[in-house]
Amino acid sequence: MAAKGSANDIADDELEPLADETARQAQRVVAAYAEDADECRMLLAMLGIGPSGRTE
């Protein structure tokens, strides 16, 4: 059964975009631990920090 929302949930419009440097650091960490390039791309996309996920 899926968990229902609570008073501590954050709405998407309340989230602030990552700073470019923070995103780059996160990309490096993901790349270091990914098994291969396909897994790296998938994980970056899931986190919203892939090359096409950064729109500013």
PDB file of N, CA and C in Angstrom:
ATOM      1  N   MET A   1       0.851  -1.173   0.000  1.00  0.00           N
ATOM      2  CA  MET A   1       0.000   0.000   0.000  1.00  0.00           C
ATOM      3  C   MET A   1       0.896   1.235   0.000  1.00  0.00           C
ATOM      4  N   ALA A   2       0.546   2.181  -0.827  1.00  0.00           N
ATOM      5  CA  ALA A   2       1.328   3.418  -0.925  1.00  0.00           C
ATOM      6  C   ALA A   2       1.047   4.314   0.271  1.00  0.00           C
ATOM      7  N   ALA A   3       2.080   4.997   0.719  1.00  0.00           N
ATOM      8  CA  ALA A   3       1.926   5.925   1.843  1.00  0.00           C
ATOM      9  C   ALA A   3       1.167   7.160   1.384  1.00  0.00           C
ATOM     10  N   LYS A   4       0.311   7.660   2.219  1.00  0.00           N
ATOM     11  CA  LYS A   4      -0.439   8.870   1.896  1.00  0.00           C
ATOM     12  C   LYS A   4       0.355  10.086   2.342  1.00  0.00           C
ATOM     13  N   GLY A   5       0.008  11.248   1.789  1.00  0.00           N
ATOM     14  CA  GLY A   5       0.698  12.486   2.129  1.00  0.00           C
ATOM     15  C   GLY A   5       0.549  12.825   3.598  1.00  0.00           C
ATOM     16  N   SER A   6       1.516  13.558   4.095  1.00  0.00           N
ATOM     17  CA  SER A   6       1.472  13.994   5.484  1.00  0.00           C
ATOM     18  C   SER A   6       1.716  15.497   5.538  1.00  0.00           C
ATOM     19  N   ALA A   7       1.675  16.047   6.727  1.00  0.00           N
ATOM     20  CA  ALA A   7       1.873  17.484   6.910  1.00  0.00           C
ATOM     21  C   ALA A   7       3.305  17.896   6.550  1.00  0.00           C
ATOM     22  N   ASN A   8       4.235  16.954   6.510  1.00  0.00           N
ATOM     23  CA  ASN A   8       5.633  17.266   6.216  1.00  0.00           C
ATOM     24  C   ASN A   8       5.975  17.178   4.741  1.00  0.00           C
ATOM     25  N   ASP A   9       5.019  16.811   3.874  1.00  0.00           N
ATOM     26  CA  ASP A   9       5.281  16.713   2.438  1.00  0.00           C
ATOM     27  C   ASP A   9       5.565  18.096   1.861  1.00  0.00           C
ATOM     28  N   ILE A  10       6.439  18.128   0.853  1.00  0.00           N
ATOM     29  CA  ILE A  10       6.805  19.379   0.193  1.00  0.00           C
ATOM     30  C   ILE A  10       6.233  19.343  -1.214  1.00  0.00           C
ATOM     31  N   ALA A  11       5.523  20.389  -1.588  1.00  0.00           N
ATOM     32  CA  ALA A  11       4.975  20.487  -2.935  1.00  0.00           C
ATOM     33  C   ALA A  11       6.086  20.812  -3.921  1.00  0.00           C
ATOM     34  N   ASP A  12       5.920  20.366  -5.176  1.00  0.00           N
ATOM     35  CA  ASP A  12       6.941  20.610  -6.199  1.00  0.00           C
ATOM     36  C   ASP A  12       7.244  22.085  -6.374  1.00  0.00           C
ATOM     37  N   ASP A  13       6.234  22.943  -6.259  1.00  0.00           N
ATOM     38  CA  ASP A  13       6.470  24.374  -6.459  1.00  0.00           C
ATOM     39  C   ASP A  13       7.210  25.018  -5.291  1.00  0.00           C
ATOM     40  N   GLU A  14       7.383  24.286  -4.196  1.00  0.00           N
ATOM     41  CA  GLU A  14       8.124  24.809  -3.049  1.00  0.00           C
ATOM     42  C   GLU A  14       9.603  24.443  -3.102  1.00  0.00           C
ATOM     43  N   LEU A  15       9.983  23.573  -4.041  1.00  0.00           N
ATOM     44  CA  LEU A  15      11.373  23.146  -4.164  1.00  0.00           C
ATOM     45  C   LEU A  15      12.168  24.186  -4.937  1.00  0.00           C
ATOM     46  N   GLU A  16      13.383  24.443  -4.499  1.00  0.00           N
ATOM     47  CA  GLU A  16      14.266  25.390  -5.177  1.00  0.00           C
ATOM     48  C   GLU A  16      15.215  24.605  -6.070  1.00  0.00           C
ATOM     49  N   PRO A  17      15.577  25.147  -7.222  1.00  0.00           N
ATOM     50  CA  PRO A  17      16.506  24.442  -8.112  1.00  0.00           C
ATOM     51  C   PRO A  17      17.890  24.325  -7.473  1.00  0.00           C
ATOM     52  N   LEU A  18      18.594  23.266  -7.850  1.00  0.00           N
ATOM     53  CA  LEU A  18      19.958  23.069  -7.358  1.00  0.00           C
ATOM     54  C   LEU A  18      20.889  24.104  -7.968  1.00  0.00           C
ATOM     55  N   ALA A  19      21.851  24.523  -7.191  1.00  0.00           N
ATOM     56  CA  ALA A  19      22.903  25.375  -7.738  1.00  0.00           C
ATOM     57  C   ALA A  19      23.711  24.544  -8.730  1.00  0.00           C
ATOM     58  N   ASP A  20      24.255  25.189  -9.734  1.00  0.00           N
ATOM     59  CA  ASP A  20      25.019  24.469 -10.760  1.00  0.00           C
ATOM     60  C   ASP A  20      26.156  23.655 -10.153  1.00  0.00           C
ATOM     61  N   GLU A  21      26.874  24.230  -9.219  1.00  0.00           N
ATOM     62  CA  GLU A  21      28.000  23.520  -8.601  1.00  0.00           C
ATOM     63  C   GLU A  21      27.519  22.300  -7.829  1.00  0.00           C
ATOM     64  N   THR A  22      26.401  22.407  -7.135  1.00  0.00           N
ATOM     65  CA  THR A  22      25.848  21.270  -6.389  1.00  0.00           C
ATOM     66  C   THR A  22      25.458  20.154  -7.350  1.00  0.00           C
ATOM     67  N   ALA A  23      24.837  20.512  -8.463  1.00  0.00           N
ATOM     68  CA  ALA A  23      24.455  19.511  -9.459  1.00  0.00           C
ATOM     69  C   ALA A  23      25.687  18.832 -10.040  1.00  0.00           C
ATOM     70  N   ARG A  24      26.727  19.596 -10.330  1.00  0.00           N
ATOM     71  CA  ARG A  24      27.955  19.005 -10.876  1.00  0.00           C
ATOM     72  C   ARG A  24      28.590  18.043  -9.875  1.00  0.00           C
ATOM     73  N   GLN A  25      28.605  18.408  -8.615  1.00  0.00           N
ATOM     74  CA  GLN A  25      29.168  17.516  -7.595  1.00  0.00           C
ATOM     75  C   GLN A  25      28.353  16.231  -7.502  1.00  0.00           C
ATOM     76  N   ALA A  26      27.039  16.350  -7.542  1.00  0.00           N
ATOM     77  CA  ALA A  26      26.181  15.171  -7.488  1.00  0.00           C
ATOM     78  C   ALA A  26      26.399  14.296  -8.720  1.00  0.00           C
ATOM     79  N   GLN A  27      26.562  14.902  -9.881  1.00  0.00           N
ATOM     80  CA  GLN A  27      26.830  14.139 -11.104  1.00  0.00           C
ATOM     81  C   GLN A  27      28.128  13.353 -10.985  1.00  0.00           C
ATOM     82  N   ARG A  28      29.142  13.961 -10.402  1.00  0.00           N
ATOM     83  CA  ARG A  28      30.430  13.270 -10.230  1.00  0.00           C
ATOM     84  C   ARG A  28      30.292  12.068  -9.305  1.00  0.00           C
ATOM     85  N   VAL A  29      29.549  12.223  -8.227  1.00  0.00           N
ATOM     86  CA  VAL A  29      29.367  11.116  -7.283  1.00  0.00           C
ATOM     87  C   VAL A  29      28.617   9.973  -7.949  1.00  0.00           C
ATOM     88  N   VAL A  30      27.543  10.307  -8.659  1.00  0.00           N
ATOM     89  CA  VAL A  30      26.768   9.274  -9.356  1.00  0.00           C
ATOM     90  C   VAL A  30      27.647   8.559 -10.373  1.00  0.00           C
ATOM     91  N   ALA A  31      28.418   9.307 -11.144  1.00  0.00           N
ATOM     92  CA  ALA A  31      29.286   8.706 -12.158  1.00  0.00           C
ATOM     93  C   ALA A  31      30.323   7.782 -11.522  1.00  0.00           C
ATOM     94  N   ALA A  32      30.825   8.155 -10.367  1.00  0.00           N
ATOM     95  CA  ALA A  32      31.846   7.338  -9.703  1.00  0.00           C
ATOM     96  C   ALA A  32      31.291   5.990  -9.242  1.00  0.00           C
ATOM     97  N   TYR A  33      30.032   5.943  -8.864  1.00  0.00           N
ATOM     98  CA  TYR A  33      29.457   4.716  -8.320  1.00  0.00           C
ATOM     99  C   TYR A  33      28.642   3.914  -9.329  1.00  0.00           C
ATOM    100  N   ALA A  34      28.353   4.471 -10.490  1.00  0.00           N
ATOM    101  CA  ALA A  34      27.569   3.755 -11.495  1.00  0.00           C
ATOM    102  C   ALA A  34      28.385   2.603 -12.085  1.00  0.00           C
ATOM    103  N   GLU A  35      27.697   1.522 -12.401  1.00  0.00           N
ATOM    104  CA  GLU A  35      28.352   0.349 -12.984  1.00  0.00           C
ATOM    105  C   GLU A  35      28.819   0.609 -14.413  1.00  0.00           C
ATOM    106  N   ASP A  36      28.031   1.364 -15.175  1.00  0.00           N
ATOM    107  CA  ASP A  36      28.378   1.666 -16.560  1.00  0.00           C
ATOM    108  C   ASP A  36      27.681   2.961 -16.979  1.00  0.00           C
ATOM    109  N   ALA A  37      27.908   3.359 -18.227  1.00  0.00           N
ATOM    110  CA  ALA A  37      27.360   4.628 -18.703  1.00  0.00           C
ATOM    111  C   ALA A  37      25.830   4.624 -18.721  1.00  0.00           C
ATOM    112  N   ASP A  38      25.236   3.495 -19.085  1.00  0.00           N
ATOM    113  CA  ASP A  38      23.768   3.426 -19.118  1.00  0.00           C
ATOM    114  C   ASP A  38      23.178   3.615 -17.724  1.00  0.00           C
ATOM    115  N   GLU A  39      23.769   2.973 -16.717  1.00  0.00           N
ATOM    116  CA  GLU A  39      23.285   3.134 -15.353  1.00  0.00           C
ATOM    117  C   GLU A  39      23.481   4.574 -14.878  1.00  0.00           C
ATOM    118  N   CYS A  40      24.600   5.164 -15.245  1.00  0.00           N
ATOM    119  CA  CYS A  40      24.868   6.547 -14.873  1.00  0.00           C
ATOM    120  C   CYS A  40      23.802   7.470 -15.449  1.00  0.00           C
ATOM    121  N   ARG A  41      23.502   7.314 -16.746  1.00  0.00           N
ATOM    122  CA  ARG A  41      22.467   8.135 -17.380  1.00  0.00           C
ATOM    123  C   ARG A  41      21.122   7.949 -16.712  1.00  0.00           C
ATOM    124  N   MET A  42      20.773   6.698 -16.387  1.00  0.00           N
ATOM    125  CA  MET A  42      19.495   6.407 -15.754  1.00  0.00           C
ATOM    126  C   MET A  42      19.406   7.070 -14.378  1.00  0.00           C
ATOM    127  N   LEU A  43      20.459   6.940 -13.592  1.00  0.00           N
ATOM    128  CA  LEU A  43      20.447   7.522 -12.250  1.00  0.00           C
ATOM    129  C   LEU A  43      20.403   9.045 -12.296  1.00  0.00           C
ATOM    130  N   LEU A  44      21.164   9.645 -13.198  1.00  0.00           N
ATOM    131  CA  LEU A  44      21.137  11.101 -13.333  1.00  0.00           C
ATOM    132  C   LEU A  44      19.748  11.584 -13.737  1.00  0.00           C
ATOM    133  N   ALA A  45      19.103  10.856 -14.645  1.00  0.00           N
ATOM    134  CA  ALA A  45      17.751  11.221 -15.069  1.00  0.00           C
ATOM    135  C   ALA A  45      16.761  11.080 -13.912  1.00  0.00           C
ATOM    136  N   MET A  46      16.896  10.014 -13.134  1.00  0.00           N
ATOM    137  CA  MET A  46      15.997   9.807 -11.995  1.00  0.00           C
ATOM    138  C   MET A  46      16.141  10.925 -10.964  1.00  0.00           C
ATOM    139  N   LEU A  47      17.346  11.411 -10.805  1.00  0.00           N
ATOM    140  CA  LEU A  47      17.604  12.483  -9.849  1.00  0.00           C
ATOM    141  C   LEU A  47      17.302  13.867 -10.416  1.00  0.00           C
ATOM    142  N   GLY A  48      17.056  13.921 -11.709  1.00  0.00           N
ATOM    143  CA  GLY A  48      16.763  15.203 -12.343  1.00  0.00           C
ATOM    144  C   GLY A  48      17.984  16.078 -12.535  1.00  0.00           C
ATOM    145  N   ILE A  49      19.152  15.461 -12.599  1.00  0.00           N
ATOM    146  CA  ILE A  49      20.389  16.230 -12.748  1.00  0.00           C
ATOM    147  C   ILE A  49      21.161  15.807 -13.997  1.00  0.00           C
ATOM    148  N   GLY A  50      20.469  15.152 -14.917  1.00  0.00           N
ATOM    149  CA  GLY A  50      21.102  14.754 -16.167  1.00  0.00           C
ATOM    150  C   GLY A  50      21.301  15.962 -17.057  1.00  0.00           C
ATOM    151  N   PRO A  51      22.044  15.798 -18.136  1.00  0.00           N
ATOM    152  CA  PRO A  51      22.328  16.910 -19.038  1.00  0.00           C
ATOM    153  C   PRO A  51      21.062  17.620 -19.532  1.00  0.00           C
ATOM    154  N   SER A  52      19.999  16.865 -19.824  1.00  0.00           N
ATOM    155  CA  SER A  52      18.767  17.489 -20.310  1.00  0.00           C
ATOM    156  C   SER A  52      17.855  17.924 -19.164  1.00  0.00           C
ATOM    157  N   GLY A  53      18.163  17.528 -17.939  1.00  0.00           N
ATOM    158  CA  GLY A  53      17.338  17.892 -16.795  1.00  0.00           C
ATOM    159  C   GLY A  53      17.605  19.276 -16.234  1.00  0.00           C
ATOM    160  N   ARG A  54      18.716  19.898 -16.635  1.00  0.00           N
ATOM    161  CA  ARG A  54      19.100  21.220 -16.139  1.00  0.00           C
ATOM    162  C   ARG A  54      18.610  22.276 -17.096  1.00  0.00           C
ATOM    163  N   THR A  55      17.472  22.898 -16.798  1.00  0.00           N
ATOM    164  CA  THR A  55      16.940  23.964 -17.636  1.00  0.00           C
ATOM    165  C   THR A  55      16.800  25.221 -16.815  1.00  0.00           C
ATOM    166  N   GLU A  56      17.627  26.202 -17.166  1.00  0.00           N
ATOM    167  CA  GLU A  56      17.569  27.483 -16.442  1.00  0.00           C
ATOM    168  C   GLU A  56      17.763  28.618 -17.396  1.00  0.00           C
TER     169      GLU A  56
END
